[in-house]
PDB file of N, CA and C in Angstrom:
ATOM      1  N   MET A   1      75.354 -30.951  37.992  1.00  0.00           N
ATOM      2  CA  MET A   1      76.533 -30.872  37.159  1.00  0.00           C
ATOM      3  C   MET A   1      77.691 -30.328  37.985  1.00  0.00           C
ATOM      4  N   LYS A   2      78.772 -31.042  37.987  1.00  0.00           N
ATOM      5  CA  LYS A   2      79.977 -30.608  38.673  1.00  0.00           C
ATOM      6  C   LYS A   2      80.852 -29.850  37.678  1.00  0.00           C
ATOM      7  N   SER A   3      81.396 -28.739  38.091  1.00  0.00           N
ATOM      8  CA  SER A   3      82.240 -27.928  37.219  1.00  0.00           C
ATOM      9  C   SER A   3      83.455 -28.728  36.764  1.00  0.00           C
ATOM     10  N   ASN A   4      83.728 -28.711  35.460  1.00  0.00           N
ATOM     11  CA  ASN A   4      84.890 -29.417  34.932  1.00  0.00           C
ATOM     12  C   ASN A   4      85.746 -28.533  34.019  1.00  0.00           C
ATOM     13  N   VAL A   5      85.485 -27.233  34.033  1.00  0.00           N
ATOM     14  CA  VAL A   5      86.244 -26.284  33.214  1.00  0.00           C
ATOM     15  C   VAL A   5      86.894 -25.276  34.152  1.00  0.00           C
ATOM     16  N   GLY A   6      88.228 -25.220  34.143  1.00  0.00           N
ATOM     17  CA  GLY A   6      88.985 -24.348  35.035  1.00  0.00           C
ATOM     18  C   GLY A   6      89.034 -22.903  34.584  1.00  0.00           C
ATOM     19  N   GLY A   7      89.698 -22.075  35.374  1.00  0.00           N
ATOM     20  CA  GLY A   7      89.730 -20.635  35.171  1.00  0.00           C
ATOM     21  C   GLY A   7      90.303 -20.176  33.841  1.00  0.00           C
ATOM     22  N   ILE A   8      91.497 -20.628  33.496  1.00  0.00           N
ATOM     23  CA  ILE A   8      92.120 -20.212  32.234  1.00  0.00           C
ATOM     24  C   ILE A   8      91.319 -20.761  31.055  1.00  0.00           C
ATOM     25  N   ASP A   9      90.888 -22.007  31.169  1.00  0.00           N
ATOM     26  CA  ASP A   9      90.081 -22.639  30.128  1.00  0.00           C
ATOM     27  C   ASP A   9      88.778 -21.865  29.924  1.00  0.00           C
ATOM     28  N   ARG A  10      88.136 -21.483  31.020  1.00  0.00           N
ATOM     29  CA  ARG A  10      86.884 -20.713  30.940  1.00  0.00           C
ATOM     30  C   ARG A  10      87.110 -19.376  30.246  1.00  0.00           C
ATOM     31  N   THR A  11      88.180 -18.689  30.637  1.00  0.00           N
ATOM     32  CA  THR A  11      88.476 -17.385  30.063  1.00  0.00           C
ATOM     33  C   THR A  11      88.714 -17.493  28.557  1.00  0.00           C
ATOM     34  N   LEU A  12      89.511 -18.479  28.155  1.00  0.00           N
ATOM     35  CA  LEU A  12      89.788 -18.658  26.732  1.00  0.00           C
ATOM     36  C   LEU A  12      88.525 -18.999  25.951  1.00  0.00           C
ATOM     37  N   ARG A  13      87.666 -19.842  26.528  1.00  0.00           N
ATOM     38  CA  ARG A  13      86.414 -20.198  25.861  1.00  0.00           C
ATOM     39  C   ARG A  13      85.512 -18.971  25.675  1.00  0.00           C
ATOM     40  N   ILE A  14      85.405 -18.160  26.715  1.00  0.00           N
ATOM     41  CA  ILE A  14      84.546 -16.981  26.638  1.00  0.00           C
ATOM     42  C   ILE A  14      85.082 -15.989  25.609  1.00  0.00           C
ATOM     43  N   VAL A  15      86.390 -15.742  25.629  1.00  0.00           N
ATOM     44  CA  VAL A  15      86.993 -14.808  24.667  1.00  0.00           C
ATOM     45  C   VAL A  15      86.827 -15.329  23.244  1.00  0.00           C
ATOM     46  N   LEU A  16      87.141 -16.609  23.023  1.00  0.00           N
ATOM     47  CA  LEU A  16      86.991 -17.195  21.689  1.00  0.00           C
ATOM     48  C   LEU A  16      85.544 -17.119  21.214  1.00  0.00           C
ATOM     49  N   GLY A  17      84.618 -17.440  22.103  1.00  0.00           N
ATOM     50  CA  GLY A  17      83.202 -17.382  21.746  1.00  0.00           C
ATOM     51  C   GLY A  17      82.769 -15.988  21.354  1.00  0.00           C
ATOM     52  N   LEU A  18      83.174 -15.002  22.144  1.00  0.00           N
ATOM     53  CA  LEU A  18      82.803 -13.621  21.834  1.00  0.00           C
ATOM     54  C   LEU A  18      83.423 -13.142  20.525  1.00  0.00           C
ATOM     55  N   VAL A  19      84.674 -13.521  20.277  1.00  0.00           N
ATOM     56  CA  VAL A  19      85.336 -13.126  19.028  1.00  0.00           C
ATOM     57  C   VAL A  19      84.606 -13.734  17.830  1.00  0.00           C
ATOM     58  N   LEU A  20      84.313 -15.023  17.897  1.00  0.00           N
ATOM     59  CA  LEU A  20      83.614 -15.675  16.785  1.00  0.00           C
ATOM     60  C   LEU A  20      82.228 -15.075  16.548  1.00  0.00           C
ATOM     61  N   ILE A  21      81.498 -14.833  17.623  1.00  0.00           N
ATOM     62  CA  ILE A  21      80.167 -14.236  17.482  1.00  0.00           C
ATOM     63  C   ILE A  21      80.272 -12.827  16.903  1.00  0.00           C
ATOM     64  N   GLY A  22      81.256 -12.064  17.376  1.00  0.00           N
ATOM     65  CA  GLY A  22      81.459 -10.712  16.847  1.00  0.00           C
ATOM     66  C   GLY A  22      81.799 -10.721  15.363  1.00  0.00           C
ATOM     67  N   LEU A  23      82.668 -11.658  14.961  1.00  0.00           N
ATOM     68  CA  LEU A  23      83.023 -11.757  13.546  1.00  0.00           C
ATOM     69  C   LEU A  23      81.823 -12.183  12.698  1.00  0.00           C
ATOM     70  N   ALA A  24      81.011 -13.077  13.225  1.00  0.00           N
ATOM     71  CA  ALA A  24      79.824 -13.511  12.493  1.00  0.00           C
ATOM     72  C   ALA A  24      78.807 -12.382  12.401  1.00  0.00           C
ATOM     73  N   ALA A  25      78.645 -11.629  13.473  1.00  0.00           N
ATOM     74  CA  ALA A  25      77.672 -10.535  13.491  1.00  0.00           C
ATOM     75  C   ALA A  25      78.049  -9.410  12.537  1.00  0.00           C
ATOM     76  N   THR A  26      79.343  -9.192  12.346  1.00  0.00           N
ATOM     77  CA  THR A  26      79.781  -8.124  11.439  1.00  0.00           C
ATOM     78  C   THR A  26      79.919  -8.600   9.996  1.00  0.00           C
ATOM     79  N   GLY A  27      79.721  -9.885   9.777  1.00  0.00           N
ATOM     80  CA  GLY A  27      79.807 -10.419   8.419  1.00  0.00           C
ATOM     81  C   GLY A  27      81.222 -10.722   7.972  1.00  0.00           C
ATOM     82  N   THR A  28      82.187 -10.667   8.876  1.00  0.00           N
ATOM     83  CA  THR A  28      83.575 -10.944   8.531  1.00  0.00           C
ATOM     84  C   THR A  28      83.764 -12.415   8.184  1.00  0.00           C
ATOM     85  N   VAL A  29      83.095 -13.264   8.915  1.00  0.00           N
ATOM     86  CA  VAL A  29      83.104 -14.704   8.623  1.00  0.00           C
ATOM     87  C   VAL A  29      81.676 -15.122   8.310  1.00  0.00           C
ATOM     88  N   GLY A  30      81.521 -16.292   7.781  1.00  0.00           N
ATOM     89  CA  GLY A  30      80.193 -16.770   7.432  1.00  0.00           C
ATOM     90  C   GLY A  30      79.377 -17.169   8.652  1.00  0.00           C
ATOM     91  N   LEU A  31      78.313 -17.891   8.381  1.00  0.00           N
ATOM     92  CA  LEU A  31      77.420 -18.342   9.439  1.00  0.00           C
ATOM     93  C   LEU A  31      78.103 -19.274  10.435  1.00  0.00           C
ATOM     94  N   TRP A  32      79.181 -19.934  10.005  1.00  0.00           N
ATOM     95  CA  TRP A  32      79.868 -20.857  10.908  1.00  0.00           C
ATOM     96  C   TRP A  32      80.403 -20.139  12.139  1.00  0.00           C
ATOM     97  N   GLY A  33      80.575 -18.850  12.081  1.00  0.00           N
ATOM     98  CA  GLY A  33      81.065 -18.086  13.223  1.00  0.00           C
ATOM     99  C   GLY A  33      80.127 -18.127  14.423  1.00  0.00           C
ATOM    100  N   TRP A  34      78.856 -18.400  14.157  1.00  0.00           N
ATOM    101  CA  TRP A  34      77.893 -18.488  15.259  1.00  0.00           C
ATOM    102  C   TRP A  34      78.129 -19.717  16.133  1.00  0.00           C
ATOM    103  N   ILE A  35      79.023 -20.612  15.703  1.00  0.00           N
ATOM    104  CA  ILE A  35      79.402 -21.744  16.541  1.00  0.00           C
ATOM    105  C   ILE A  35      80.079 -21.240  17.820  1.00  0.00           C
ATOM    106  N   GLY A  36      80.467 -19.975  17.835  1.00  0.00           N
ATOM    107  CA  GLY A  36      81.054 -19.358  19.012  1.00  0.00           C
ATOM    108  C   GLY A  36      80.126 -19.368  20.219  1.00  0.00           C
ATOM    109  N   VAL A  37      78.845 -19.610  19.978  1.00  0.00           N
ATOM    110  CA  VAL A  37      77.890 -19.716  21.085  1.00  0.00           C
ATOM    111  C   VAL A  37      78.254 -20.908  21.980  1.00  0.00           C
ATOM    112  N   VAL A  38      78.797 -21.972  21.397  1.00  0.00           N
ATOM    113  CA  VAL A  38      79.127 -23.181  22.163  1.00  0.00           C
ATOM    114  C   VAL A  38      80.243 -22.922  23.176  1.00  0.00           C
ATOM    115  N   PRO A  39      81.422 -22.423  22.757  1.00  0.00           N
ATOM    116  CA  PRO A  39      82.441 -22.158  23.776  1.00  0.00           C
ATOM    117  C   PRO A  39      82.029 -21.068  24.757  1.00  0.00           C
ATOM    118  N   LEU A  40      81.248 -20.099  24.291  1.00  0.00           N
ATOM    119  CA  LEU A  40      80.773 -19.053  25.196  1.00  0.00           C
ATOM    120  C   LEU A  40      79.888 -19.656  26.288  1.00  0.00           C
ATOM    121  N   ALA A  41      78.982 -20.534  25.910  1.00  0.00           N
ATOM    122  CA  ALA A  41      78.079 -21.154  26.884  1.00  0.00           C
ATOM    123  C   ALA A  41      78.828 -22.075  27.840  1.00  0.00           C
ATOM    124  N   THR A  42      79.721 -22.908  27.316  1.00  0.00           N
ATOM    125  CA  THR A  42      80.447 -23.830  28.189  1.00  0.00           C
ATOM    126  C   THR A  42      81.380 -23.070  29.129  1.00  0.00           C
ATOM    127  N   GLY A  43      81.943 -21.970  28.664  1.00  0.00           N
ATOM    128  CA  GLY A  43      82.780 -21.154  29.528  1.00  0.00           C
ATOM    129  C   GLY A  43      81.962 -20.434  30.589  1.00  0.00           C
ATOM    130  N   ALA A  44      80.771 -19.991  30.222  1.00  0.00           N
ATOM    131  CA  ALA A  44      79.927 -19.263  31.164  1.00  0.00           C
ATOM    132  C   ALA A  44      79.391 -20.167  32.276  1.00  0.00           C
ATOM    133  N   ILE A  45      79.014 -21.402  31.920  1.00  0.00           N
ATOM    134  CA  ILE A  45      78.457 -22.290  32.951  1.00  0.00           C
ATOM    135  C   ILE A  45      79.518 -23.128  33.638  1.00  0.00           C
ATOM    136  N   GLY A  46      80.715 -23.230  33.030  1.00  0.00           N
ATOM    137  CA  GLY A  46      81.808 -23.964  33.660  1.00  0.00           C
ATOM    138  C   GLY A  46      81.714 -25.473  33.524  1.00  0.00           C
ATOM    139  N   TRP A  47      80.919 -25.942  32.602  1.00  0.00           N
ATOM    140  CA  TRP A  47      80.756 -27.385  32.401  1.00  0.00           C
ATOM    141  C   TRP A  47      80.765 -27.680  30.916  1.00  0.00           C
ATOM    142  N   CYS A  48      81.548 -28.686  30.515  1.00  0.00           N
ATOM    143  CA  CYS A  48      81.684 -29.068  29.115  1.00  0.00           C
ATOM    144  C   CYS A  48      81.287 -30.536  28.959  1.00  0.00           C
ATOM    145  N   PRO A  49      80.257 -30.840  28.156  1.00  0.00           N
ATOM    146  CA  PRO A  49      79.812 -32.225  27.987  1.00  0.00           C
ATOM    147  C   PRO A  49      80.904 -33.185  27.501  1.00  0.00           C
ATOM    148  N   PRO A  50      81.726 -32.827  26.493  1.00  0.00           N
ATOM    149  CA  PRO A  50      82.787 -33.764  26.094  1.00  0.00           C
ATOM    150  C   PRO A  50      83.797 -34.023  27.213  1.00  0.00           C
ATOM    151  N   TYR A  51      84.095 -33.007  28.020  1.00  0.00           N
ATOM    152  CA  TYR A  51      84.995 -33.212  29.149  1.00  0.00           C
ATOM    153  C   TYR A  51      84.401 -34.252  30.100  1.00  0.00           C
ATOM    154  N   ALA A  52      83.122 -34.139  30.363  1.00  0.00           N
ATOM    155  CA  ALA A  52      82.452 -35.096  31.258  1.00  0.00           C
ATOM    156  C   ALA A  52      82.467 -36.493  30.647  1.00  0.00           C
ATOM    157  N   LEU A  53      82.243 -36.585  29.356  1.00  0.00           N
ATOM    158  CA  LEU A  53      82.220 -37.876  28.665  1.00  0.00           C
ATOM    159  C   LEU A  53      83.570 -38.577  28.734  1.00  0.00           C
ATOM    160  N   PHE A  54      84.639 -37.831  28.552  1.00  0.00           N
ATOM    161  CA  PHE A  54      85.984 -38.415  28.554  1.00  0.00           C
ATOM    162  C   PHE A  54      86.657 -38.395  29.927  1.00  0.00           C
ATOM    163  N   GLY A  55      86.001 -37.807  30.919  1.00  0.00           N
ATOM    164  CA  GLY A  55      86.561 -37.771  32.268  1.00  0.00           C
ATOM    165  C   GLY A  55      87.641 -36.725  32.463  1.00  0.00           C
ATOM    166  N   TRP A  56      87.690 -35.737  31.600  1.00  0.00           N
ATOM    167  CA  TRP A  56      88.684 -34.672  31.712  1.00  0.00           C
ATOM    168  C   TRP A  56      88.186 -33.610  32.679  1.00  0.00           C
ATOM    169  N   ASN A  57      89.120 -32.895  33.302  1.00  0.00           N
ATOM    170  CA  ASN A  57      88.762 -31.848  34.238  1.00  0.00           C
ATOM    171  C   ASN A  57      89.916 -30.850  34.311  1.00  0.00           C
ATOM    172  N   THR A  58      89.654 -29.597  33.975  1.00  0.00           N
ATOM    173  CA  THR A  58      90.685 -28.574  34.069  1.00  0.00           C
ATOM    174  C   THR A  58      90.429 -27.659  35.263  1.00  0.00           C
ATOM    175  N   CYS A  59      89.413 -27.980  36.034  1.00  0.00           N
ATOM    176  CA  CYS A  59      89.061 -27.184  37.207  1.00  0.00           C
ATOM    177  C   CYS A  59      89.962 -27.592  38.375  1.00  0.00           C
ATOM    178  N   SER A  60      90.558 -26.623  39.038  1.00  0.00           N
ATOM    179  CA  SER A  60      91.500 -26.919  40.107  1.00  0.00           C
ATOM    180  C   SER A  60      90.819 -27.088  41.460  1.00  0.00           C
ATOM    181  N   MET A  61      89.497 -26.996  41.515  1.00  0.00           N
ATOM    182  CA  MET A  61      88.787 -27.139  42.794  1.00  0.00           C
ATOM    183  C   MET A  61      88.897 -28.583  43.275  1.00  0.00           C
ATOM    184  N   LYS A  62      89.163 -28.742  44.549  1.00  0.00           N
ATOM    185  CA  LYS A  62      89.262 -30.068  45.144  1.00  0.00           C
ATOM    186  C   LYS A  62      87.942 -30.422  45.809  1.00  0.00           C
ATOM    187  N   ASN A  63      87.545 -31.678  45.695  1.00  0.00           N
ATOM    188  CA  ASN A  63      86.340 -32.146  46.376  1.00  0.00           C
ATOM    189  C   ASN A  63      86.618 -32.269  47.857  1.00  0.00           C
ATOM    190  N   LYS A  64      85.690 -31.824  48.672  1.00  0.00           N
ATOM    191  CA  LYS A  64      85.862 -31.895  50.122  1.00  0.00           C
ATOM    192  C   LYS A  64      85.082 -33.067  50.703  1.00  0.00           C
ATOM    193  N   ALA A  65      84.756 -34.044  49.901  1.00  0.00           N
ATOM    194  CA  ALA A  65      83.984 -35.205  50.378  1.00  0.00           C
ATOM    195  C   ALA A  65      84.887 -36.309  50.872  1.00  0.00           C
TER     196      ALA A  65
END
């Protein structure tokens, strides 16, 4: 898997994921808040399946090939 999620995108995904999980854990929002696991995971690994499917890339790394 080639990284397709850039730095700012990764940071926002991780923060959003943690906020949603925190809200779900405290009961502030319903069970749907656990969907925060998805942006947290994609931000942590740096790869997003829909980005790969559509050919999007927010990662600024250049290929050296």
